Amino acid sequence: MPRVKRGKGHLKSRKNLLKQTKGYLQGRKSKIKLAKTAVRKAGAYAFRDRRTKKRTARSLWQIKINAGCRLNNSSYSKFIGGLKKNKIELDRKILAELAEKNPEIFSEIVKMVR
């Protein structure tokens, strides 16, 4: 079998790897061995934190809703329970936005739930 030299493919993969590490500090942006691990770790962190972002956003919504409920002499758990009992289907994201930006509308919803 004839010998295969892998110059072009090898250079292309290195070039793409170093393109991904643009902006990294010190040898992580220029040395192949360090760049490989940096890119792999960055990908793992990105994958993990896409899920963490959803978790933290939901907890922030809950805090905002609870603050709005407390202003209307209610609690978060009673409010959510009342929503489910009265079959009002508003998600936490919308409720948090209402509690923050339109407190008068949110207080009407709290009164409906009671």
PDB file of N, CA and C in Angstrom:
ATOM      1  N   MET A   1       0.837  -1.196   0.000  1.00  0.00           N
ATOM      2  CA  MET A   1       0.000   0.000   0.000  1.00  0.00           C
ATOM      3  C   MET A   1       0.874   1.248   0.000  1.00  0.00           C
ATOM      4  N   PRO A   2       0.426   2.275  -0.710  1.00  0.00           N
ATOM      5  CA  PRO A   2       1.215   3.504  -0.732  1.00  0.00           C
ATOM      6  C   PRO A   2       1.099   4.267   0.585  1.00  0.00           C
ATOM      7  N   ARG A   3       2.124   5.020   0.845  1.00  0.00           N
ATOM      8  CA  ARG A   3       2.181   5.804   2.083  1.00  0.00           C
ATOM      9  C   ARG A   3       1.243   7.016   1.970  1.00  0.00           C
ATOM     10  N   VAL A   4       0.521   7.316   3.052  1.00  0.00           N
ATOM     11  CA  VAL A   4      -0.385   8.468   3.061  1.00  0.00           C
ATOM     12  C   VAL A   4       0.180   9.521   3.997  1.00  0.00           C
ATOM     13  N   LYS A   5       0.405  10.705   3.444  1.00  0.00           N
ATOM     14  CA  LYS A   5       0.875  11.813   4.282  1.00  0.00           C
ATOM     15  C   LYS A   5      -0.342  12.669   4.647  1.00  0.00           C
ATOM     16  N   ARG A   6      -0.430  13.045   5.900  1.00  0.00           N
ATOM     17  CA  ARG A   6      -1.641  13.703   6.371  1.00  0.00           C
ATOM     18  C   ARG A   6      -1.450  15.198   6.635  1.00  0.00           C
ATOM     19  N   GLY A   7      -0.628  15.846   5.864  1.00  0.00           N
ATOM     20  CA  GLY A   7      -0.291  17.247   6.098  1.00  0.00           C
ATOM     21  C   GLY A   7      -1.482  18.184   6.109  1.00  0.00           C
ATOM     22  N   LYS A   8      -2.283  18.175   5.029  1.00  0.00           N
ATOM     23  CA  LYS A   8      -3.381  19.132   4.902  1.00  0.00           C
ATOM     24  C   LYS A   8      -4.433  18.942   5.985  1.00  0.00           C
ATOM     25  N   GLY A   9      -4.863  17.707   6.179  1.00  0.00           N
ATOM     26  CA  GLY A   9      -5.895  17.436   7.190  1.00  0.00           C
ATOM     27  C   GLY A   9      -5.428  17.779   8.588  1.00  0.00           C
ATOM     28  N   HIS A  10      -4.160  17.439   8.846  1.00  0.00           N
ATOM     29  CA  HIS A  10      -3.581  17.712  10.166  1.00  0.00           C
ATOM     30  C   HIS A  10      -3.542  19.210  10.435  1.00  0.00           C
ATOM     31  N   LEU A  11      -3.085  19.969   9.430  1.00  0.00           N
ATOM     32  CA  LEU A  11      -2.999  21.421   9.582  1.00  0.00           C
ATOM     33  C   LEU A  11      -4.383  22.048   9.737  1.00  0.00           C
ATOM     34  N   LYS A  12      -5.349  21.506   8.986  1.00  0.00           N
ATOM     35  CA  LYS A  12      -6.708  22.050   9.055  1.00  0.00           C
ATOM     36  C   LYS A  12      -7.318  21.852  10.441  1.00  0.00           C
ATOM     37  N   SER A  13      -7.120  20.648  11.009  1.00  0.00           N
ATOM     38  CA  SER A  13      -7.698  20.387  12.331  1.00  0.00           C
ATOM     39  C   SER A  13      -7.023  21.251  13.395  1.00  0.00           C
ATOM     40  N   ARG A  14      -5.709  21.453  13.265  1.00  0.00           N
ATOM     41  CA  ARG A  14      -5.000  22.319  14.219  1.00  0.00           C
ATOM     42  C   ARG A  14      -5.488  23.753  14.112  1.00  0.00           C
ATOM     43  N   LYS A  15      -5.667  24.201  12.872  1.00  0.00           N
ATOM     44  CA  LYS A  15      -6.110  25.569  12.630  1.00  0.00           C
ATOM     45  C   LYS A  15      -7.508  25.795  13.226  1.00  0.00           C
ATOM     46  N   ASN A  16      -8.397  24.828  13.028  1.00  0.00           N
ATOM     47  CA  ASN A  16      -9.755  24.937  13.576  1.00  0.00           C
ATOM     48  C   ASN A  16      -9.739  24.940  15.098  1.00  0.00           C
ATOM     49  N   LEU A  17      -8.867  24.120  15.669  1.00  0.00           N
ATOM     50  CA  LEU A  17      -8.751  24.065  17.125  1.00  0.00           C
ATOM     51  C   LEU A  17      -8.282  25.407  17.674  1.00  0.00           C
ATOM     52  N   LEU A  18      -7.255  25.978  17.048  1.00  0.00           N
ATOM     53  CA  LEU A  18      -6.724  27.257  17.517  1.00  0.00           C
ATOM     54  C   LEU A  18      -7.702  28.400  17.270  1.00  0.00           C
ATOM     55  N   LYS A  19      -8.575  28.240  16.270  1.00  0.00           N
ATOM     56  CA  LYS A  19      -9.609  29.246  16.027  1.00  0.00           C
ATOM     57  C   LYS A  19     -10.618  29.246  17.187  1.00  0.00           C
ATOM     58  N   GLN A  20     -10.883  28.054  17.727  1.00  0.00           N
ATOM     59  CA  GLN A  20     -11.815  27.932  18.852  1.00  0.00           C
ATOM     60  C   GLN A  20     -11.255  28.535  20.136  1.00  0.00           C
ATOM     61  N   THR A  21      -9.941  28.556  20.270  1.00  0.00           N
ATOM     62  CA  THR A  21      -9.323  29.038  21.511  1.00  0.00           C
ATOM     63  C   THR A  21      -8.969  30.514  21.444  1.00  0.00           C
ATOM     64  N   LYS A  22      -9.493  31.226  20.447  1.00  0.00           N
ATOM     65  CA  LYS A  22      -9.197  32.650  20.315  1.00  0.00           C
ATOM     66  C   LYS A  22      -9.693  33.383  21.564  1.00  0.00           C
ATOM     67  N   GLY A  23      -8.827  34.184  22.154  1.00  0.00           N
ATOM     68  CA  GLY A  23      -9.200  34.933  23.347  1.00  0.00           C
ATOM     69  C   GLY A  23      -8.791  34.251  24.643  1.00  0.00           C
ATOM     70  N   TYR A  24      -8.345  33.005  24.582  1.00  0.00           N
ATOM     71  CA  TYR A  24      -7.876  32.323  25.784  1.00  0.00           C
ATOM     72  C   TYR A  24      -6.527  32.911  26.188  1.00  0.00           C
ATOM     73  N   LEU A  25      -6.145  32.710  27.437  1.00  0.00           N
ATOM     74  CA  LEU A  25      -4.912  33.297  27.939  1.00  0.00           C
ATOM     75  C   LEU A  25      -3.721  32.355  27.782  1.00  0.00           C
ATOM     76  N   GLN A  26      -2.552  32.936  27.644  1.00  0.00           N
ATOM     77  CA  GLN A  26      -1.246  32.277  27.619  1.00  0.00           C
ATOM     78  C   GLN A  26      -1.193  31.132  26.613  1.00  0.00           C
ATOM     79  N   GLY A  27      -0.662  29.981  27.019  1.00  0.00           N
ATOM     80  CA  GLY A  27      -0.443  28.901  26.073  1.00  0.00           C
ATOM     81  C   GLY A  27      -1.713  28.204  25.634  1.00  0.00           C
ATOM     82  N   ARG A  28      -2.800  28.454  26.329  1.00  0.00           N
ATOM     83  CA  ARG A  28      -4.069  27.796  25.988  1.00  0.00           C
ATOM     84  C   ARG A  28      -4.577  28.243  24.617  1.00  0.00           C
ATOM     85  N   LYS A  29      -4.079  29.380  24.115  1.00  0.00           N
ATOM     86  CA  LYS A  29      -4.530  29.841  22.805  1.00  0.00           C
ATOM     87  C   LYS A  29      -3.574  29.459  21.674  1.00  0.00           C
ATOM     88  N   SER A  30      -2.355  29.024  22.029  1.00  0.00           N
ATOM     89  CA  SER A  30      -1.371  28.811  20.967  1.00  0.00           C
ATOM     90  C   SER A  30      -0.746  27.420  20.958  1.00  0.00           C
ATOM     91  N   LYS A  31      -0.743  26.723  22.072  1.00  0.00           N
ATOM     92  CA  LYS A  31      -0.111  25.407  22.139  1.00  0.00           C
ATOM     93  C   LYS A  31      -1.189  24.334  22.006  1.00  0.00           C
ATOM     94  N   ILE A  32      -0.984  23.432  21.061  1.00  0.00           N
ATOM     95  CA  ILE A  32      -2.004  22.459  20.696  1.00  0.00           C
ATOM     96  C   ILE A  32      -2.451  21.621  21.891  1.00  0.00           C
ATOM     97  N   LYS A  33      -1.476  21.115  22.654  1.00  0.00           N
ATOM     98  CA  LYS A  33      -1.808  20.228  23.767  1.00  0.00           C
ATOM     99  C   LYS A  33      -2.688  20.945  24.798  1.00  0.00           C
ATOM    100  N   LEU A  34      -2.323  22.175  25.137  1.00  0.00           N
ATOM    101  CA  LEU A  34      -3.108  22.944  26.108  1.00  0.00           C
ATOM    102  C   LEU A  34      -4.438  23.383  25.509  1.00  0.00           C
ATOM    103  N   ALA A  35      -4.425  23.718  24.227  1.00  0.00           N
ATOM    104  CA  ALA A  35      -5.646  24.184  23.565  1.00  0.00           C
ATOM    105  C   ALA A  35      -6.700  23.079  23.513  1.00  0.00           C
ATOM    106  N   LYS A  36      -6.264  21.830  23.270  1.00  0.00           N
ATOM    107  CA  LYS A  36      -7.209  20.706  23.205  1.00  0.00           C
ATOM    108  C   LYS A  36      -7.971  20.541  24.513  1.00  0.00           C
ATOM    109  N   THR A  37      -7.222  20.539  25.621  1.00  0.00           N
ATOM    110  CA  THR A  37      -7.889  20.366  26.914  1.00  0.00           C
ATOM    111  C   THR A  37      -8.765  21.568  27.241  1.00  0.00           C
ATOM    112  N   ALA A  38      -8.310  22.770  26.852  1.00  0.00           N
ATOM    113  CA  ALA A  38      -9.091  23.977  27.131  1.00  0.00           C
ATOM    114  C   ALA A  38     -10.423  23.931  26.403  1.00  0.00           C
ATOM    115  N   VAL A  39     -10.399  23.516  25.132  1.00  0.00           N
ATOM    116  CA  VAL A  39     -11.628  23.449  24.341  1.00  0.00           C
ATOM    117  C   VAL A  39     -12.561  22.374  24.883  1.00  0.00           C
ATOM    118  N   ARG A  40     -11.995  21.225  25.266  1.00  0.00           N
ATOM    119  CA  ARG A  40     -12.809  20.142  25.794  1.00  0.00           C
ATOM    120  C   ARG A  40     -13.502  20.562  27.094  1.00  0.00           C
ATOM    121  N   LYS A  41     -12.746  21.208  27.982  1.00  0.00           N
ATOM    122  CA  LYS A  41     -13.319  21.670  29.255  1.00  0.00           C
ATOM    123  C   LYS A  41     -14.367  22.755  29.021  1.00  0.00           C
ATOM    124  N   ALA A  42     -14.075  23.668  28.099  1.00  0.00           N
ATOM    125  CA  ALA A  42     -15.026  24.739  27.805  1.00  0.00           C
ATOM    126  C   ALA A  42     -16.350  24.158  27.319  1.00  0.00           C
ATOM    127  N   GLY A  43     -16.262  23.130  26.473  1.00  0.00           N
ATOM    128  CA  GLY A  43     -17.477  22.478  25.978  1.00  0.00           C
ATOM    129  C   GLY A  43     -18.255  21.809  27.091  1.00  0.00           C
ATOM    130  N   ALA A  44     -17.541  21.172  28.008  1.00  0.00           N
ATOM    131  CA  ALA A  44     -18.201  20.500  29.125  1.00  0.00           C
ATOM    132  C   ALA A  44     -18.890  21.511  30.039  1.00  0.00           C
ATOM    133  N   TYR A  45     -18.201  22.618  30.303  1.00  0.00           N
ATOM    134  CA  TYR A  45     -18.787  23.656  31.156  1.00  0.00           C
ATOM    135  C   TYR A  45     -20.008  24.284  30.482  1.00  0.00           C
ATOM    136  N   ALA A  46     -19.914  24.498  29.175  1.00  0.00           N
ATOM    137  CA  ALA A  46     -21.035  25.097  28.440  1.00  0.00           C
ATOM    138  C   ALA A  46     -22.249  24.180  28.498  1.00  0.00           C
ATOM    139  N   PHE A  47     -22.022  22.872  28.308  1.00  0.00           N
ATOM    140  CA  PHE A  47     -23.111  21.892  28.357  1.00  0.00           C
ATOM    141  C   PHE A  47     -23.769  21.889  29.734  1.00  0.00           C
ATOM    142  N   ARG A  48     -22.923  21.874  30.774  1.00  0.00           N
ATOM    143  CA  ARG A  48     -23.435  21.854  32.149  1.00  0.00           C
ATOM    144  C   ARG A  48     -24.226  23.122  32.459  1.00  0.00           C
ATOM    145  N   ASP A  49     -23.666  24.267  32.063  1.00  0.00           N
ATOM    146  CA  ASP A  49     -24.256  25.531  32.477  1.00  0.00           C
ATOM    147  C   ASP A  49     -25.489  25.910  31.677  1.00  0.00           C
ATOM    148  N   ARG A  50     -25.708  25.273  30.521  1.00  0.00           N
ATOM    149  CA  ARG A  50     -26.977  25.501  29.826  1.00  0.00           C
ATOM    150  C   ARG A  50     -28.132  24.963  30.655  1.00  0.00           C
ATOM    151  N   ARG A  51     -27.872  23.920  31.421  1.00  0.00           N
ATOM    152  CA  ARG A  51     -28.900  23.368  32.308  1.00  0.00           C
ATOM    153  C   ARG A  51     -29.001  24.174  33.604  1.00  0.00           C
ATOM    154  N   THR A  52     -27.851  24.590  34.121  1.00  0.00           N
ATOM    155  CA  THR A  52     -27.834  25.373  35.356  1.00  0.00           C
ATOM    156  C   THR A  52     -28.570  26.695  35.171  1.00  0.00           C
ATOM    157  N   LYS A  53     -28.449  27.270  33.975  1.00  0.00           N
ATOM    158  CA  LYS A  53     -29.100  28.548  33.679  1.00  0.00           C
ATOM    159  C   LYS A  53     -30.616  28.435  33.849  1.00  0.00           C
ATOM    160  N   LYS A  54     -31.186  27.332  33.391  1.00  0.00           N
ATOM    161  CA  LYS A  54     -32.624  27.112  33.516  1.00  0.00           C
ATOM    162  C   LYS A  54     -33.029  27.010  34.987  1.00  0.00           C
ATOM    163  N   ARG A  55     -32.186  26.303  35.762  1.00  0.00           N
ATOM    164  CA  ARG A  55     -32.459  26.112  37.186  1.00  0.00           C
ATOM    165  C   ARG A  55     -32.454  27.440  37.931  1.00  0.00           C
ATOM    166  N   THR A  56     -31.429  28.248  37.686  1.00  0.00           N
ATOM    167  CA  THR A  56     -31.303  29.511  38.412  1.00  0.00           C
ATOM    168  C   THR A  56     -32.388  30.495  37.980  1.00  0.00           C
ATOM    169  N   ALA A  57     -32.772  30.461  36.705  1.00  0.00           N
ATOM    170  CA  ALA A  57     -33.834  31.348  36.229  1.00  0.00           C
ATOM    171  C   ALA A  57     -35.141  31.022  36.936  1.00  0.00           C
ATOM    172  N   ARG A  58     -35.455  29.742  37.069  1.00  0.00           N
ATOM    173  CA  ARG A  58     -36.702  29.344  37.727  1.00  0.00           C
ATOM    174  C   ARG A  58     -36.704  29.769  39.189  1.00  0.00           C
ATOM    175  N   SER A  59     -35.576  29.627  39.881  1.00  0.00           N
ATOM    176  CA  SER A  59     -35.534  30.022  41.296  1.00  0.00           C
ATOM    177  C   SER A  59     -35.672  31.537  41.435  1.00  0.00           C
ATOM    178  N   LEU A  60     -35.137  32.284  40.471  1.00  0.00           N
ATOM    179  CA  LEU A  60     -35.295  33.740  40.489  1.00  0.00           C
ATOM    180  C   LEU A  60     -36.756  34.126  40.296  1.00  0.00           C
ATOM    181  N   TRP A  61     -37.445  33.415  39.374  1.00  0.00           N
ATOM    182  CA  TRP A  61     -38.874  33.684  39.177  1.00  0.00           C
ATOM    183  C   TRP A  61     -39.649  33.430  40.464  1.00  0.00           C
ATOM    184  N   GLN A  62     -39.307  32.346  41.149  1.00  0.00           N
ATOM    185  CA  GLN A  62     -40.010  32.021  42.391  1.00  0.00           C
ATOM    186  C   GLN A  62     -39.810  33.102  43.439  1.00  0.00           C
ATOM    187  N   ILE A  63     -38.607  33.644  43.519  1.00  0.00           N
ATOM    188  CA  ILE A  63     -38.312  34.706  44.482  1.00  0.00           C
ATOM    189  C   ILE A  63     -39.132  35.952  44.160  1.00  0.00           C
ATOM    190  N   LYS A  64     -39.214  36.308  42.878  1.00  0.00           N
ATOM    191  CA  LYS A  64     -39.980  37.489  42.471  1.00  0.00           C
ATOM    192  C   LYS A  64     -41.467  37.320  42.758  1.00  0.00           C
ATOM    193  N   ILE A  65     -41.998  36.121  42.474  1.00  0.00           N
ATOM    194  CA  ILE A  65     -43.417  35.858  42.741  1.00  0.00           C
ATOM    195  C   ILE A  65     -43.688  35.919  44.231  1.00  0.00           C
ATOM    196  N   ASN A  66     -42.805  35.340  45.025  1.00  0.00           N
ATOM    197  CA  ASN A  66     -42.972  35.352  46.476  1.00  0.00           C
ATOM    198  C   ASN A  66     -42.965  36.784  47.006  1.00  0.00           C
ATOM    199  N   ALA A  67     -42.072  37.615  46.480  1.00  0.00           N
ATOM    200  CA  ALA A  67     -42.016  39.014  46.916  1.00  0.00           C
ATOM    201  C   ALA A  67     -43.322  39.726  46.588  1.00  0.00           C
ATOM    202  N   GLY A  68     -43.856  39.458  45.392  1.00  0.00           N
ATOM    203  CA  GLY A  68     -45.134  40.057  45.011  1.00  0.00           C
ATOM    204  C   GLY A  68     -46.277  39.564  45.871  1.00  0.00           C
ATOM    205  N   CYS A  69     -46.243  38.291  46.225  1.00  0.00           N
ATOM    206  CA  CYS A  69     -47.292  37.718  47.086  1.00  0.00           C
ATOM    207  C   CYS A  69     -47.234  38.332  48.482  1.00  0.00           C
ATOM    208  N   ARG A  70     -46.027  38.489  49.015  1.00  0.00           N
ATOM    209  CA  ARG A  70     -45.859  39.056  50.360  1.00  0.00           C
ATOM    210  C   ARG A  70     -46.414  40.474  50.436  1.00  0.00           C
ATOM    211  N   LEU A  71     -46.273  41.239  49.347  1.00  0.00           N
ATOM    212  CA  LEU A  71     -46.830  42.587  49.326  1.00  0.00           C
ATOM    213  C   LEU A  71     -48.363  42.566  49.368  1.00  0.00           C
ATOM    214  N   ASN A  72     -48.944  41.444  48.924  1.00  0.00           N
ATOM    215  CA  ASN A  72     -50.396  41.295  48.913  1.00  0.00           C
ATOM    216  C   ASN A  72     -50.887  40.364  50.022  1.00  0.00           C
ATOM    217  N   ASN A  73     -50.103  40.249  51.096  1.00  0.00           N
ATOM    218  CA  ASN A  73     -50.472  39.453  52.277  1.00  0.00           C
ATOM    219  C   ASN A  73     -50.806  38.002  51.945  1.00  0.00           C
ATOM    220  N   SER A  74     -49.962  37.392  51.155  1.00  0.00           N
ATOM    221  CA  SER A  74     -50.124  35.982  50.827  1.00  0.00           C
ATOM    222  C   SER A  74     -48.744  35.346  50.844  1.00  0.00           C
ATOM    223  N   SER A  75     -48.680  34.050  50.591  1.00  0.00           N
ATOM    224  CA  SER A  75     -47.384  33.388  50.493  1.00  0.00           C
ATOM    225  C   SER A  75     -47.298  32.686  49.146  1.00  0.00           C
ATOM    226  N   TYR A  76     -46.091  32.359  48.757  1.00  0.00           N
ATOM    227  CA  TYR A  76     -45.857  31.743  47.448  1.00  0.00           C
ATOM    228  C   TYR A  76     -46.608  30.420  47.328  1.00  0.00           C
ATOM    229  N   SER A  77     -46.500  29.590  48.362  1.00  0.00           N
ATOM    230  CA  SER A  77     -47.103  28.252  48.268  1.00  0.00           C
ATOM    231  C   SER A  77     -48.624  28.329  48.185  1.00  0.00           C
ATOM    232  N   LYS A  78     -49.237  29.219  48.974  1.00  0.00           N
ATOM    233  CA  LYS A  78     -50.702  29.375  48.917  1.00  0.00           C
ATOM    234  C   LYS A  78     -51.132  29.930  47.559  1.00  0.00           C
ATOM    235  N   PHE A  79     -50.331  30.839  47.033  1.00  0.00           N
ATOM    236  CA  PHE A  79     -50.646  31.447  45.740  1.00  0.00           C
ATOM    237  C   PHE A  79     -50.608  30.409  44.622  1.00  0.00           C
ATOM    238  N   ILE A  80     -49.543  29.609  44.576  1.00  0.00           N
ATOM    239  CA  ILE A  80     -49.404  28.587  43.529  1.00  0.00           C
ATOM    240  C   ILE A  80     -50.497  27.522  43.690  1.00  0.00           C
ATOM    241  N   GLY A  81     -50.777  27.153  44.930  1.00  0.00           N
ATOM    242  CA  GLY A  81     -51.857  26.193  45.179  1.00  0.00           C
ATOM    243  C   GLY A  81     -53.193  26.726  44.707  1.00  0.00           C
ATOM    244  N   GLY A  82     -53.452  28.001  44.962  1.00  0.00           N
ATOM    245  CA  GLY A  82     -54.694  28.628  44.514  1.00  0.00           C
ATOM    246  C   GLY A  82     -54.792  28.700  42.998  1.00  0.00           C
ATOM    247  N   LEU A  83     -53.674  28.971  42.344  1.00  0.00           N
ATOM    248  CA  LEU A  83     -53.675  28.994  40.876  1.00  0.00           C
ATOM    249  C   LEU A  83     -54.080  27.637  40.315  1.00  0.00           C
ATOM    250  N   LYS A  84     -53.510  26.580  40.895  1.00  0.00           N
ATOM    251  CA  LYS A  84     -53.822  25.235  40.411  1.00  0.00           C
ATOM    252  C   LYS A  84     -55.277  24.873  40.692  1.00  0.00           C
ATOM    253  N   LYS A  85     -55.777  25.271  41.871  1.00  0.00           N
ATOM    254  CA  LYS A  85     -57.153  24.978  42.247  1.00  0.00           C
ATOM    255  C   LYS A  85     -58.144  25.696  41.333  1.00  0.00           C
ATOM    256  N   ASN A  86     -57.839  26.951  40.984  1.00  0.00           N
ATOM    257  CA  ASN A  86     -58.721  27.742  40.123  1.00  0.00           C
ATOM    258  C   ASN A  86     -58.439  27.541  38.630  1.00  0.00           C
ATOM    259  N   LYS A  87     -57.541  26.621  38.313  1.00  0.00           N
ATOM    260  CA  LYS A  87     -57.176  26.272  36.937  1.00  0.00           C
ATOM    261  C   LYS A  87     -56.747  27.492  36.125  1.00  0.00           C
ATOM    262  N   ILE A  88     -55.929  28.352  36.758  1.00  0.00           N
ATOM    263  CA  ILE A  88     -55.330  29.482  36.055  1.00  0.00           C
ATOM    264  C   ILE A  88     -53.959  29.027  35.579  1.00  0.00           C
ATOM    265  N   GLU A  89     -53.770  28.972  34.259  1.00  0.00           N
ATOM    266  CA  GLU A  89     -52.537  28.426  33.706  1.00  0.00           C
ATOM    267  C   GLU A  89     -51.608  29.544  33.246  1.00  0.00           C
ATOM    268  N   LEU A  90     -50.968  30.197  34.206  1.00  0.00           N
ATOM    269  CA  LEU A  90     -49.916  31.170  33.910  1.00  0.00           C
ATOM    270  C   LEU A  90     -48.615  30.588  34.439  1.00  0.00           C
ATOM    271  N   ASP A  91     -47.580  30.597  33.603  1.00  0.00           N
ATOM    272  CA  ASP A  91     -46.322  30.024  34.074  1.00  0.00           C
ATOM    273  C   ASP A  91     -45.564  31.022  34.947  1.00  0.00           C
ATOM    274  N   ARG A  92     -44.547  30.504  35.632  1.00  0.00           N
ATOM    275  CA  ARG A  92     -43.812  31.310  36.617  1.00  0.00           C
ATOM    276  C   ARG A  92     -43.069  32.479  35.973  1.00  0.00           C
ATOM    277  N   LYS A  93     -42.628  32.296  34.748  1.00  0.00           N
ATOM    278  CA  LYS A  93     -41.901  33.367  34.058  1.00  0.00           C
ATOM    279  C   LYS A  93     -42.802  34.588  33.872  1.00  0.00           C
ATOM    280  N   ILE A  94     -44.024  34.360  33.418  1.00  0.00           N
ATOM    281  CA  ILE A  94     -44.980  35.449  33.189  1.00  0.00           C
ATOM    282  C   ILE A  94     -45.392  36.065  34.521  1.00  0.00           C
ATOM    283  N   LEU A  95     -45.653  35.228  35.522  1.00  0.00           N
ATOM    284  CA  LEU A  95     -46.059  35.733  36.839  1.00  0.00           C
ATOM    285  C   LEU A  95     -44.962  36.601  37.453  1.00  0.00           C
ATOM    286  N   ALA A  96     -43.704  36.177  37.296  1.00  0.00           N
ATOM    287  CA  ALA A  96     -42.586  36.945  37.849  1.00  0.00           C
ATOM    288  C   ALA A  96     -42.482  38.303  37.161  1.00  0.00           C
ATOM    289  N   GLU A  97     -42.687  38.308  35.845  1.00  0.00           N
ATOM    290  CA  GLU A  97     -42.630  39.568  35.100  1.00  0.00           C
ATOM    291  C   GLU A  97     -43.757  40.497  35.530  1.00  0.00           C
ATOM    292  N   LEU A  98     -44.953  39.934  35.729  1.00  0.00           N
ATOM    293  CA  LEU A  98     -46.083  40.745  36.196  1.00  0.00           C
ATOM    294  C   LEU A  98     -45.813  41.301  37.588  1.00  0.00           C
ATOM    295  N   ALA A  99     -45.279  40.465  38.464  1.00  0.00           N
ATOM    296  CA  ALA A  99     -45.004  40.903  39.836  1.00  0.00           C
ATOM    297  C   ALA A  99     -43.977  42.023  39.856  1.00  0.00           C
ATOM    298  N   GLU A 100     -43.023  41.976  38.925  1.00  0.00           N
ATOM    299  CA  GLU A 100     -41.956  42.977  38.911  1.00  0.00           C
ATOM    300  C   GLU A 100     -42.386  44.263  38.206  1.00  0.00           C
ATOM    301  N   LYS A 101     -43.008  44.129  37.015  1.00  0.00           N
ATOM    302  CA  LYS A 101     -43.259  45.304  36.181  1.00  0.00           C
ATOM    303  C   LYS A 101     -44.674  45.863  36.294  1.00  0.00           C
ATOM    304  N   ASN A 102     -45.656  44.996  36.606  1.00  0.00           N
ATOM    305  CA  ASN A 102     -47.052  45.433  36.720  1.00  0.00           C
ATOM    306  C   ASN A 102     -47.649  44.928  38.037  1.00  0.00           C
ATOM    307  N   PRO A 103     -47.257  45.513  39.170  1.00  0.00           N
ATOM    308  CA  PRO A 103     -47.738  44.987  40.449  1.00  0.00           C
ATOM    309  C   PRO A 103     -49.250  45.097  40.638  1.00  0.00           C
ATOM    310  N   GLU A 104     -49.884  46.085  39.989  1.00  0.00           N
ATOM    311  CA  GLU A 104     -51.339  46.218  40.152  1.00  0.00           C
ATOM    312  C   GLU A 104     -52.082  45.053  39.488  1.00  0.00           C
ATOM    313  N   ILE A 105     -51.607  44.603  38.326  1.00  0.00           N
ATOM    314  CA  ILE A 105     -52.214  43.437  37.663  1.00  0.00           C
ATOM    315  C   ILE A 105     -51.944  42.182  38.485  1.00  0.00           C
ATOM    316  N   PHE A 106     -50.737  42.080  39.014  1.00  0.00           N
ATOM    317  CA  PHE A 106     -50.384  40.907  39.831  1.00  0.00           C
ATOM    318  C   PHE A 106     -51.266  40.843  41.080  1.00  0.00           C
ATOM    319  N   SER A 107     -51.535  42.008  41.699  1.00  0.00           N
ATOM    320  CA  SER A 107     -52.383  42.003  42.902  1.00  0.00           C
ATOM    321  C   SER A 107     -53.811  41.576  42.560  1.00  0.00           C
ATOM    322  N   GLU A 108     -54.283  41.888  41.338  1.00  0.00           N
ATOM    323  CA  GLU A 108     -55.606  41.421  40.900  1.00  0.00           C
ATOM    324  C   GLU A 108     -55.627  39.890  40.802  1.00  0.00           C
ATOM    325  N   ILE A 109     -54.545  39.332  40.276  1.00  0.00           N
ATOM    326  CA  ILE A 109     -54.455  37.862  40.156  1.00  0.00           C
ATOM    327  C   ILE A 109     -54.458  37.232  41.538  1.00  0.00           C
ATOM    328  N   VAL A 110     -53.730  37.850  42.484  1.00  0.00           N
ATOM    329  CA  VAL A 110     -53.683  37.313  43.858  1.00  0.00           C
ATOM    330  C   VAL A 110     -55.080  37.350  44.472  1.00  0.00           C
ATOM    331  N   LYS A 111     -55.830  38.431  44.218  1.00  0.00           N
ATOM    332  CA  LYS A 111     -57.206  38.527  44.735  1.00  0.00           C
ATOM    333  C   LYS A 111     -58.110  37.471  44.120  1.00  0.00           C
ATOM    334  N   MET A 112     -57.924  37.177  42.807  1.00  0.00           N
ATOM    335  CA  MET A 112     -58.725  36.148  42.150  1.00  0.00           C
ATOM    336  C   MET A 112     -58.462  34.773  42.753  1.00  0.00           C
ATOM    337  N   VAL A 113     -57.218  34.541  43.143  1.00  0.00           N
ATOM    338  CA  VAL A 113     -56.830  33.227  43.652  1.00  0.00           C
ATOM    339  C   VAL A 113     -57.389  32.986  45.060  1.00  0.00           C
ATOM    340  N   ARG A 114     -57.505  34.046  45.847  1.00  0.00           N
ATOM    341  CA  ARG A 114     -57.966  33.885  47.234  1.00  0.00           C
ATOM    342  C   ARG A 114     -59.353  33.346  47.366  1.00  0.00           C
TER     343      ARG A 114
END
